[in-house]
Amino acid sequence: MTDAAALPGQPRGAVLSGPATARAVNVLAPNPSPMTLDGTNTWVLAEPGSEVAVVVDPGPLDEAHLRAVIETVEASGRRVALTLLTHGHADHAEGAGRFAELTGTRVRALDPALRLGDEGLDAGDVIDAGGLELRVVPTPGHTADSLCFHLPADGAVLTGDTVLGRGTTMVAHPDGRLGDYLDSLRRLRSLTVDDGVHTVLPGHGPVLEDAQGAVEFYLAHRAARLAQVETAVENGLTSASEVVARVYAEVDRSLWPAAELSVRAQLQYLREHGMTGPGDRS
């Protein structure tokens, strides 16, 4: 059995509903799949002693899950004060409207189409809910609207799909862009170096105890994949499907459609930097 301490980011272990840090509790959604891993992590955040909680990513439109999130909040003697979204993919955001109905809360997101209420989320915003401080960190790349939330009191960052608890994430071309994603990973690395972030609370998979190690692994992985794609193109493979079959041959075929989106983003990045010949013809 592999020692978790030897894995990228030092994953904590099994993905379970329950406390993760002093201020963060996970409620695992019942939507496991190759893309969502064990399911979506819905995060309930609250300052100790506070009467209110913030919920990040209510998850899919699953009534039982949404009510389980509310029950988790109420069992702690609190009420939901605010709902936040890391991005608009359905496994994170589809249930937000119904959750807002059940709790009477606003939904704040970067994308105006996902908001319920007048307030959105922007870079540099600081959210204060009952003494809980969350700092909004823009991290486009997986999607254009991707955000992370820095929880300084716990030395933690909620990463949505920007950094997962297991494996790596895709850059969802054309909405996601590789150059943006690499910049976002560097921004997260600066949080680990300069701002004391040591824990990743991901949108899927286990909590990571070594945030800096996880981000550095992601950066190295992206550099290696980009080099493989560039080599494949130099060898005459110009369509995304051909490159996936060559570069991602060891990956489960059920993940190849997602891999193709990432390859399209990589081909676009290479073209923008003058590193490839003909464009993607697939």
Protein backbone atom coordinates (compact mmCIF):
# COMPACT_ATOMS: atom_id res chain seq x y z
CA MET A 1 0.00 0.00 0.00
CA THR A 2 1.35 3.44 -0.97
CA ASP A 3 2.33 5.73 1.88
CA ALA A 4 0.18 8.87 1.60
CA ALA A 5 3.14 10.97 2.74
CA ALA A 6 4.97 9.91 -0.44
CA LEU A 7 2.13 11.03 -2.75
CA PRO A 8 1.92 14.54 -4.27
CA GLY A 9 0.47 16.91 -1.70
CA GLN A 10 0.33 14.26 1.04
CA PRO A 11 -3.38 13.35 0.80
CA ARG A 12 -4.99 12.83 4.17
CA GLY A 13 -6.69 9.51 3.33
CA ALA A 14 -10.26 8.49 2.66
CA VAL A 15 -12.69 11.17 1.51
CA LEU A 16 -15.34 11.47 4.20
CA SER A 17 -17.96 13.90 5.37
CA GLY A 18 -16.83 15.63 8.54
CA PRO A 19 -14.40 18.19 9.97
CA ALA A 20 -11.25 18.93 7.96
CA THR A 21 -9.86 21.97 9.78
CA ALA A 22 -10.96 24.08 12.73
CA ARG A 23 -13.27 26.05 10.44
CA ALA A 24 -14.06 23.68 7.55
CA VAL A 25 -16.42 20.71 7.42
CA ASN A 26 -16.94 18.58 4.31
CA VAL A 27 -20.30 17.21 3.19
CA LEU A 28 -19.54 14.72 0.41
CA ALA A 29 -22.08 14.69 -2.43
CA PRO A 30 -23.30 11.30 -3.73
CA ASN A 31 -22.04 11.85 -7.30
CA PRO A 32 -18.87 9.76 -7.69
CA SER A 33 -17.51 9.25 -11.20
CA PRO A 34 -14.19 9.15 -13.05
CA MET A 35 -14.46 12.94 -13.42
CA THR A 36 -15.69 13.79 -9.90
CA LEU A 37 -13.59 11.17 -8.07
CA ASP A 38 -15.37 10.31 -4.78
CA GLY A 39 -17.95 13.04 -5.41
CA THR A 40 -18.13 16.79 -4.94
CA ASN A 41 -16.85 18.20 -1.66
CA THR A 42 -19.34 20.77 -0.38
CA TRP A 43 -17.55 22.90 2.22
CA VAL A 44 -19.25 24.37 5.27
CA LEU A 45 -17.12 27.13 6.79
CA ALA A 46 -17.66 28.87 10.12
CA GLU A 47 -15.68 30.75 12.73
CA PRO A 48 -15.67 28.89 16.08
CA GLY A 49 -18.41 30.33 18.26
CA SER A 50 -20.17 32.03 15.35
CA GLU A 51 -23.89 31.65 14.68
CA VAL A 52 -23.51 31.67 10.89
CA ALA A 53 -21.85 29.53 8.24
CA VAL A 54 -20.74 29.96 4.65
CA VAL A 55 -21.31 27.12 2.16
CA VAL A 56 -18.97 26.72 -0.81
CA ASP A 57 -20.19 24.71 -3.82
CA PRO A 58 -23.58 23.19 -2.86
CA GLY A 59 -22.93 20.62 -5.58
CA PRO A 60 -25.36 18.80 -7.87
CA LEU A 61 -29.12 19.26 -7.83
CA ASP A 62 -29.67 16.43 -5.36
CA GLU A 63 -32.32 17.23 -2.77
CA ALA A 64 -31.00 14.76 -0.20
CA HIS A 65 -27.50 16.20 -0.44
CA LEU A 66 -28.67 19.80 -0.18
CA ARG A 67 -30.70 18.96 2.90
CA ALA A 68 -27.73 17.08 4.37
CA VAL A 69 -25.67 20.25 4.03
CA ILE A 70 -28.35 22.26 5.82
CA GLU A 71 -28.63 19.62 8.55
CA THR A 72 -24.85 19.76 9.05
CA VAL A 73 -25.02 23.52 9.54
CA GLU A 74 -28.02 23.35 11.85
CA ALA A 75 -26.50 20.54 13.93
CA SER A 76 -23.66 22.93 14.76
CA GLY A 77 -26.16 25.50 16.05
CA ARG A 78 -25.72 27.77 13.05
CA ARG A 79 -27.61 29.01 10.01
CA VAL A 80 -26.39 29.43 6.44
CA ALA A 81 -25.56 33.10 5.80
CA LEU A 82 -24.05 32.93 2.31
CA THR A 83 -23.40 30.55 -0.59
CA LEU A 84 -20.25 30.81 -2.72
CA LEU A 85 -19.25 29.10 -5.96
CA THR A 86 -15.73 28.24 -7.12
CA HIS A 87 -16.98 27.95 -10.72
CA GLY A 88 -20.03 27.08 -12.75
CA HIS A 89 -19.64 23.39 -13.61
CA ALA A 90 -22.81 21.49 -12.75
CA ASP A 91 -21.21 19.17 -10.19
CA HIS A 92 -20.38 22.27 -8.12
CA ALA A 93 -23.11 24.75 -8.97
CA GLU A 94 -26.23 23.02 -10.30
CA GLY A 95 -27.81 22.80 -6.84
CA ALA A 96 -27.06 26.41 -5.90
CA GLY A 97 -30.44 27.83 -6.91
CA ARG A 98 -32.40 25.23 -4.97
CA PHE A 99 -30.02 25.57 -2.02
CA ALA A 100 -30.66 29.31 -2.01
CA GLU A 101 -34.40 28.64 -1.93
CA LEU A 102 -34.04 26.26 1.00
CA THR A 103 -31.81 28.60 3.01
CA GLY A 104 -32.93 32.05 1.90
CA THR A 105 -29.34 33.00 1.06
CA ARG A 106 -27.60 34.87 -1.70
CA VAL A 107 -25.29 33.09 -4.14
CA ARG A 108 -22.07 34.89 -4.98
CA ALA A 109 -19.91 33.86 -7.96
CA LEU A 110 -17.60 35.41 -10.50
CA ASP A 111 -19.97 34.67 -13.40
CA PRO A 112 -23.01 37.00 -13.23
CA ALA A 113 -25.20 34.24 -14.69
CA LEU A 114 -24.64 32.15 -11.55
CA ARG A 115 -25.37 34.86 -8.98
CA LEU A 116 -28.51 35.24 -6.90
CA GLY A 117 -28.41 38.73 -5.45
CA ASP A 118 -26.61 41.92 -6.33
CA GLU A 119 -23.11 41.01 -5.21
CA GLY A 120 -20.60 39.02 -7.22
CA LEU A 121 -17.03 38.02 -6.47
CA ASP A 122 -13.88 39.72 -7.70
CA ALA A 123 -10.14 39.52 -7.14
CA GLY A 124 -9.17 40.97 -3.80
CA ASP A 125 -12.61 40.68 -2.24
CA VAL A 126 -12.58 39.76 1.44
CA ILE A 127 -15.67 38.04 2.81
CA ASP A 128 -16.46 38.40 6.50
CA ALA A 129 -19.25 36.21 7.90
CA GLY A 130 -19.54 36.09 11.66
CA GLY A 131 -15.82 36.73 12.04
CA LEU A 132 -14.85 34.18 9.37
CA GLU A 133 -12.46 35.73 6.87
CA LEU A 134 -12.24 34.43 3.31
CA ARG A 135 -10.10 36.04 0.62
CA VAL A 136 -11.09 35.66 -3.03
CA VAL A 137 -8.25 34.47 -5.27
CA PRO A 138 -8.88 34.50 -9.04
CA THR A 139 -7.59 31.27 -10.59
CA PRO A 140 -8.79 31.05 -14.21
CA GLY A 141 -7.59 28.18 -16.34
CA HIS A 142 -9.71 25.13 -15.55
CA THR A 143 -12.55 27.47 -16.53
CA ALA A 144 -12.56 31.20 -17.12
CA ASP A 145 -14.65 31.78 -13.98
CA SER A 146 -12.62 29.62 -11.57
CA LEU A 147 -11.92 31.06 -8.13
CA CYS A 148 -10.18 29.82 -5.01
CA PHE A 149 -10.89 30.95 -1.44
CA HIS A 150 -8.04 31.57 0.98
CA LEU A 151 -8.93 30.76 4.60
CA PRO A 152 -6.00 32.41 6.40
CA ALA A 153 -6.97 31.43 9.95
CA ASP A 154 -6.59 27.75 9.03
CA GLY A 155 -3.65 28.17 6.63
CA ALA A 156 -5.91 26.64 3.98
CA VAL A 157 -7.14 27.29 0.47
CA LEU A 158 -10.33 25.96 -1.11
CA THR A 159 -9.37 25.16 -4.68
CA GLY A 160 -12.51 23.89 -6.42
CA ASP A 161 -11.20 22.06 -9.50
CA THR A 162 -8.00 24.10 -9.84
CA VAL A 163 -6.15 21.60 -7.64
CA LEU A 164 -7.73 18.23 -6.87
CA GLY A 165 -7.08 15.93 -3.94
CA ARG A 166 -6.04 13.14 -6.28
CA GLY A 167 -4.70 13.15 -9.83
CA THR A 168 -4.68 16.32 -11.93
CA THR A 169 -7.38 18.53 -13.38
CA MET A 170 -8.21 19.38 -16.97
CA VAL A 171 -8.09 22.75 -18.69
CA ALA A 172 -11.55 22.83 -20.25
CA HIS A 173 -10.83 24.29 -23.71
CA PRO A 174 -12.04 26.64 -25.12
CA ASP A 175 -13.35 28.25 -21.90
CA GLY A 176 -10.20 27.28 -20.02
CA ARG A 177 -6.78 28.45 -21.16
CA LEU A 178 -3.45 26.85 -20.30
CA GLY A 179 -1.54 30.12 -19.95
CA ASP A 180 -4.11 31.34 -17.44
CA TYR A 181 -3.96 28.04 -15.60
CA LEU A 182 -0.19 28.14 -15.23
CA ASP A 183 -0.43 31.70 -13.91
CA SER A 184 -3.08 30.54 -11.43
CA LEU A 185 -0.88 27.71 -10.17
CA ARG A 186 1.94 30.19 -9.64
CA ARG A 187 -0.47 32.44 -7.75
CA LEU A 188 -1.38 29.52 -5.49
CA ARG A 189 2.29 28.68 -5.00
CA SER A 190 2.87 32.24 -3.78
CA LEU A 191 0.17 31.69 -1.15
CA THR A 192 2.10 28.67 0.12
CA VAL A 193 5.42 30.54 0.15
CA ASP A 194 4.35 34.00 1.33
CA ASP A 195 1.01 33.58 3.11
CA GLY A 196 1.36 30.43 5.19
CA VAL A 197 -1.01 28.21 3.22
CA HIS A 198 -0.26 24.55 3.95
CA THR A 199 -3.60 22.78 3.45
CA VAL A 200 -5.65 22.28 0.27
CA LEU A 201 -9.40 21.80 0.64
CA PRO A 202 -10.22 20.57 -2.88
CA GLY A 203 -13.49 20.31 -4.76
CA HIS A 204 -12.91 16.58 -5.22
CA GLY A 205 -10.72 14.05 -3.46
CA PRO A 206 -8.97 14.05 -0.10
CA VAL A 207 -7.61 17.02 1.82
CA LEU A 208 -3.96 17.69 1.00
CA GLU A 209 -1.57 18.38 3.87
CA ASP A 210 1.25 19.77 1.69
CA ALA A 211 -0.17 22.58 -0.42
CA GLN A 212 3.19 23.70 -1.77
CA GLY A 213 4.13 20.17 -2.79
CA ALA A 214 0.80 19.73 -4.54
CA VAL A 215 1.11 22.94 -6.54
CA GLU A 216 4.71 22.24 -7.49
CA PHE A 217 3.68 18.75 -8.65
CA TYR A 218 0.95 20.30 -10.81
CA LEU A 219 3.41 22.75 -12.36
CA ALA A 220 5.91 19.98 -13.10
CA HIS A 221 3.18 17.73 -14.49
CA ARG A 222 1.93 20.47 -16.81
CA ALA A 223 5.46 21.18 -18.07
CA ALA A 224 6.03 17.48 -18.76
CA ARG A 225 2.70 17.06 -20.58
CA LEU A 226 3.33 20.17 -22.65
CA ALA A 227 6.72 18.82 -23.70
CA GLN A 228 5.11 15.49 -24.66
CA VAL A 229 2.46 17.25 -26.74
CA GLU A 230 5.08 19.39 -28.46
CA THR A 231 7.10 16.27 -29.30
CA ALA A 232 3.99 14.56 -30.66
CA VAL A 233 3.30 17.54 -32.92
CA GLU A 234 6.92 17.60 -34.09
CA ASN A 235 6.44 13.94 -35.00
CA GLY A 236 3.52 14.83 -37.26
CA LEU A 237 0.49 14.41 -34.98
CA THR A 238 -1.63 17.54 -35.28
CA SER A 239 -5.13 16.52 -34.20
CA ALA A 240 -6.09 16.47 -30.54
CA SER A 241 -7.41 12.91 -30.78
CA GLU A 242 -4.11 11.65 -32.23
CA VAL A 243 -2.11 13.40 -29.54
CA VAL A 244 -4.34 11.98 -26.77
CA ALA A 245 -3.85 8.44 -28.08
CA ARG A 246 -0.08 8.95 -28.00
CA VAL A 247 0.48 11.07 -24.90
CA TYR A 248 -2.35 9.77 -22.68
CA ALA A 249 -2.06 6.12 -23.68
CA GLU A 250 -1.69 5.03 -20.04
CA VAL A 251 -4.80 6.96 -18.92
CA ASP A 252 -8.17 5.23 -18.56
CA ARG A 253 -9.98 5.65 -21.89
CA SER A 254 -13.08 6.92 -20.07
CA LEU A 255 -11.02 10.05 -19.33
CA TRP A 256 -9.84 10.59 -22.92
CA PRO A 257 -12.63 13.08 -23.76
CA ALA A 258 -11.48 15.27 -20.86
CA ALA A 259 -7.86 14.73 -21.90
CA GLU A 260 -8.75 15.90 -25.41
CA LEU A 261 -10.04 19.19 -24.01
CA SER A 262 -6.74 19.66 -22.19
CA VAL A 263 -4.76 18.76 -25.32
CA ARG A 264 -6.70 21.32 -27.34
CA ALA A 265 -5.74 23.90 -24.70
CA GLN A 266 -2.11 22.79 -24.92
CA LEU A 267 -2.09 22.99 -28.72
CA GLN A 268 -3.55 26.49 -28.51
CA TYR A 269 -0.87 27.48 -25.98
CA LEU A 270 1.89 26.12 -28.20
CA ARG A 271 0.53 27.97 -31.23
CA GLU A 272 0.31 31.23 -29.28
CA HIS A 273 3.95 30.82 -28.30
CA GLY A 274 5.09 29.90 -31.81
CA MET A 275 6.08 26.40 -30.78
CA THR A 276 4.06 24.30 -33.25
CA GLY A 277 3.46 24.00 -36.94
CA PRO A 278 -0.02 23.33 -38.43
CA GLY A 279 -3.06 23.96 -36.27
CA ASP A 280 -5.25 21.28 -34.75
CA ARG A 281 -7.25 19.77 -37.61
CA SER A 282 -9.58 17.56 -35.53
